[in-house]
Protein backbone atom coordinates (compact mmCIF):
# COMPACT_ATOMS: atom_id res chain seq x y z
CA MET A 1 -64.43 46.10 59.76
CA THR A 2 -64.51 44.68 56.32
CA ARG A 3 -62.75 46.10 53.04
CA GLU A 4 -64.66 46.47 50.31
CA PHE A 5 -63.90 44.49 47.27
CA THR A 6 -62.89 46.73 44.15
CA GLY A 7 -62.15 46.55 40.59
CA TRP A 8 -58.43 46.71 41.30
CA HIS A 9 -58.77 43.83 43.53
CA MET A 10 -60.83 41.86 40.66
CA LEU A 11 -57.70 42.72 38.22
CA ALA A 12 -55.16 41.80 40.54
CA LEU A 13 -56.84 38.14 40.55
CA MET A 14 -57.30 38.04 37.03
CA VAL A 15 -53.50 39.08 36.14
CA GLY A 16 -52.56 36.55 39.07
CA GLY A 17 -54.46 33.54 38.07
CA PHE A 18 -53.82 33.98 34.33
CA GLY A 19 -50.24 35.09 34.99
CA ILE A 20 -49.87 31.51 37.00
CA ILE A 21 -51.34 29.68 34.09
CA ILE A 22 -49.30 31.53 31.50
CA ALA A 23 -46.01 30.60 33.63
CA VAL A 24 -46.79 26.80 33.99
CA ASN A 25 -47.33 26.76 30.23
CA LEU A 26 -44.54 28.39 29.19
CA THR A 27 -42.58 26.11 31.64
CA LEU A 28 -43.75 23.07 30.05
CA ALA A 29 -43.30 24.15 26.52
CA TRP A 30 -39.81 24.98 27.50
CA ASN A 31 -39.34 21.61 28.74
CA ALA A 32 -40.61 20.12 26.31
CA ILE A 33 -38.76 21.32 23.64
CA ALA A 34 -35.34 21.31 25.68
CA THR A 35 -35.62 17.15 26.39
CA PHE A 36 -36.85 15.95 22.81
CA PRO A 37 -35.27 16.67 19.43
CA GLY A 38 -38.31 15.70 17.21
CA LEU A 39 -35.93 14.62 14.54
CA GLU A 40 -36.08 11.20 13.31
CA ALA A 41 -34.53 11.76 9.75
CA ARG A 42 -32.60 15.07 8.57
CA ASN A 43 -34.72 14.82 4.94
CA SER A 44 -38.05 13.34 5.26
CA TYR A 45 -38.34 13.63 1.49
CA ALA A 46 -35.15 11.71 0.69
CA VAL A 47 -36.19 8.91 3.01
CA SER A 48 -39.53 8.54 1.59
CA GLN A 49 -38.66 8.15 -1.85
CA THR A 50 -36.89 4.67 -1.03
CA PHE A 51 -39.18 3.82 1.95
CA GLN A 52 -41.51 1.13 0.30
CA ALA A 53 -38.33 -0.65 -1.48
CA ASP A 54 -36.76 -0.80 1.72
CA ARG A 55 -39.59 -2.04 3.34
CA ALA A 56 -40.16 -4.86 0.96
CA ALA A 57 -36.51 -5.48 1.10
CA GLN A 58 -36.58 -6.25 5.22
CA ASN A 59 -39.80 -7.72 4.56
CA ALA A 60 -37.93 -10.20 2.29
CA LEU A 61 -35.51 -11.04 4.85
CA ASN A 62 -38.56 -12.98 6.83
CA TRP A 63 -36.73 -12.56 10.11
CA ASP A 64 -38.21 -12.61 13.72
CA VAL A 65 -36.67 -10.25 15.74
CA SER A 66 -37.24 -9.23 19.54
CA ALA A 67 -35.80 -7.20 21.93
CA ASP A 68 -36.35 -7.89 25.99
CA ILE A 69 -34.82 -6.06 28.91
CA THR A 70 -34.64 -8.84 32.49
CA GLY A 71 -32.64 -8.11 35.55
CA GLY A 72 -30.74 -5.43 33.79
CA VAL A 73 -29.64 -7.41 30.86
CA LEU A 74 -31.18 -6.18 27.39
CA THR A 75 -31.40 -9.33 24.96
CA VAL A 76 -31.83 -8.96 21.07
CA ASP A 77 -33.31 -12.56 19.31
CA ILE A 78 -32.62 -12.66 15.39
CA LEU A 79 -34.63 -15.80 14.01
CA ASP A 80 -34.26 -16.65 10.25
CA HIS A 81 -37.78 -18.05 8.35
CA ARG A 82 -36.92 -21.48 9.89
CA GLY A 83 -36.58 -20.42 13.55
CA VAL A 84 -32.71 -20.63 13.66
CA PRO A 85 -30.95 -18.00 15.57
CA LEU A 86 -29.11 -15.56 13.20
CA GLN A 87 -25.71 -13.63 13.88
CA ALA A 88 -26.31 -10.44 11.84
CA GLU A 89 -24.18 -7.19 11.99
CA ILE A 90 -25.66 -4.32 14.53
CA THR A 91 -24.61 -0.99 12.88
CA ARG A 92 -26.48 0.96 15.25
CA ALA A 93 -28.60 0.65 18.31
CA ILE A 94 -29.72 3.26 20.82
CA LEU A 95 -31.49 3.08 24.42
CA GLY A 96 -33.61 5.88 25.53
CA GLN A 97 -36.68 6.89 26.77
CA ALA A 98 -39.06 8.07 24.16
CA THR A 99 -39.24 11.74 25.88
CA ASN A 100 -35.89 12.75 26.99
CA VAL A 101 -32.73 12.11 24.89
CA ASN A 102 -30.50 12.96 27.94
CA MET A 103 -30.71 9.23 28.88
CA ASP A 104 -29.97 7.74 25.55
CA THR A 105 -27.41 5.21 25.72
CA VAL A 106 -25.47 2.71 23.19
CA PRO A 107 -25.64 -0.79 24.61
CA GLU A 108 -22.56 -2.79 23.96
CA PHE A 109 -23.84 -5.94 22.76
CA SER A 110 -21.95 -9.60 22.89
CA TRP A 111 -23.13 -12.44 20.95
CA THR A 112 -23.66 -15.57 22.96
CA GLY A 113 -24.08 -18.02 20.14
CA THR A 114 -28.12 -17.83 20.19
CA GLN A 115 -28.48 -13.96 20.76
CA TYR A 116 -26.96 -10.67 21.37
CA THR A 117 -26.99 -9.50 25.11
CA ALA A 118 -25.82 -6.38 26.90
CA PRO A 119 -25.88 -5.05 30.30
CA VAL A 120 -27.90 -1.86 30.64
CA THR A 121 -28.59 0.49 33.62
CA MET A 122 -32.16 1.87 33.57
CA THR A 123 -34.92 3.54 35.64
CA GLU A 124 -38.13 1.78 35.69
CA GLY A 125 -40.77 3.18 32.81
CA TYR A 126 -41.07 2.82 29.07
CA TRP A 127 -38.08 2.85 27.06
CA ASN A 128 -37.27 2.37 23.13
CA LEU A 129 -34.33 0.43 21.35
CA ARG A 130 -33.59 1.79 18.24
CA LEU A 131 -31.69 -1.24 16.09
CA GLU A 132 -30.29 -1.31 12.71
CA LEU A 133 -29.18 -4.14 11.27
CA ILE A 134 -27.24 -5.61 8.13
CA ALA A 135 -28.09 -9.02 6.70
CA PRO A 136 -25.75 -10.86 5.04
CA ASP A 137 -26.59 -10.10 1.86
CA GLY A 138 -26.15 -6.28 2.48
CA THR A 139 -29.81 -5.58 3.66
CA LYS A 140 -30.61 -3.00 6.08
CA PHE A 141 -33.19 -4.15 9.07
CA ARG A 142 -34.39 -0.99 10.95
CA ARG A 143 -37.01 -1.30 13.94
CA ARG A 144 -37.82 0.37 17.06
CA PHE A 145 -38.72 -1.87 20.23
CA PRO A 146 -40.81 -0.32 22.92
CA LEU A 147 -39.47 -2.00 26.20
CA THR A 148 -40.69 -1.59 29.70
CA ALA A 149 -38.48 -1.64 32.41
CA LYS A 150 -39.73 -2.64 35.99
């Protein structure tokens, strides 16, 4: 004997289906908020007031800065306008995944005479190196380098 499909059955199906959808959305939203701070600058208005001047000063350095990761070693090359390796002061360096600040690390760089190197431990995936340097004349140099660890 087959039971009749009633309005209560349909109500249970709808509440159950939408309940699952809402639970999944809330879980994803919670994880997104819990793992990403969403903060680049404490006061974006104040940063915007000097942005053009800071960018012009950084571009005037005419540096070619690159970062790479191979075999667990992070390398940063800084070349001046003639292509000669340059030693600048690293004031801030943070290596982390774009979506999870829990894995952020501060690499311990050492100067090899031609480049900066730092041993790092990381999982496969996409990473960002946020680097801040100071030139010998006091000019600040900031850049984010997207890296892929294999």
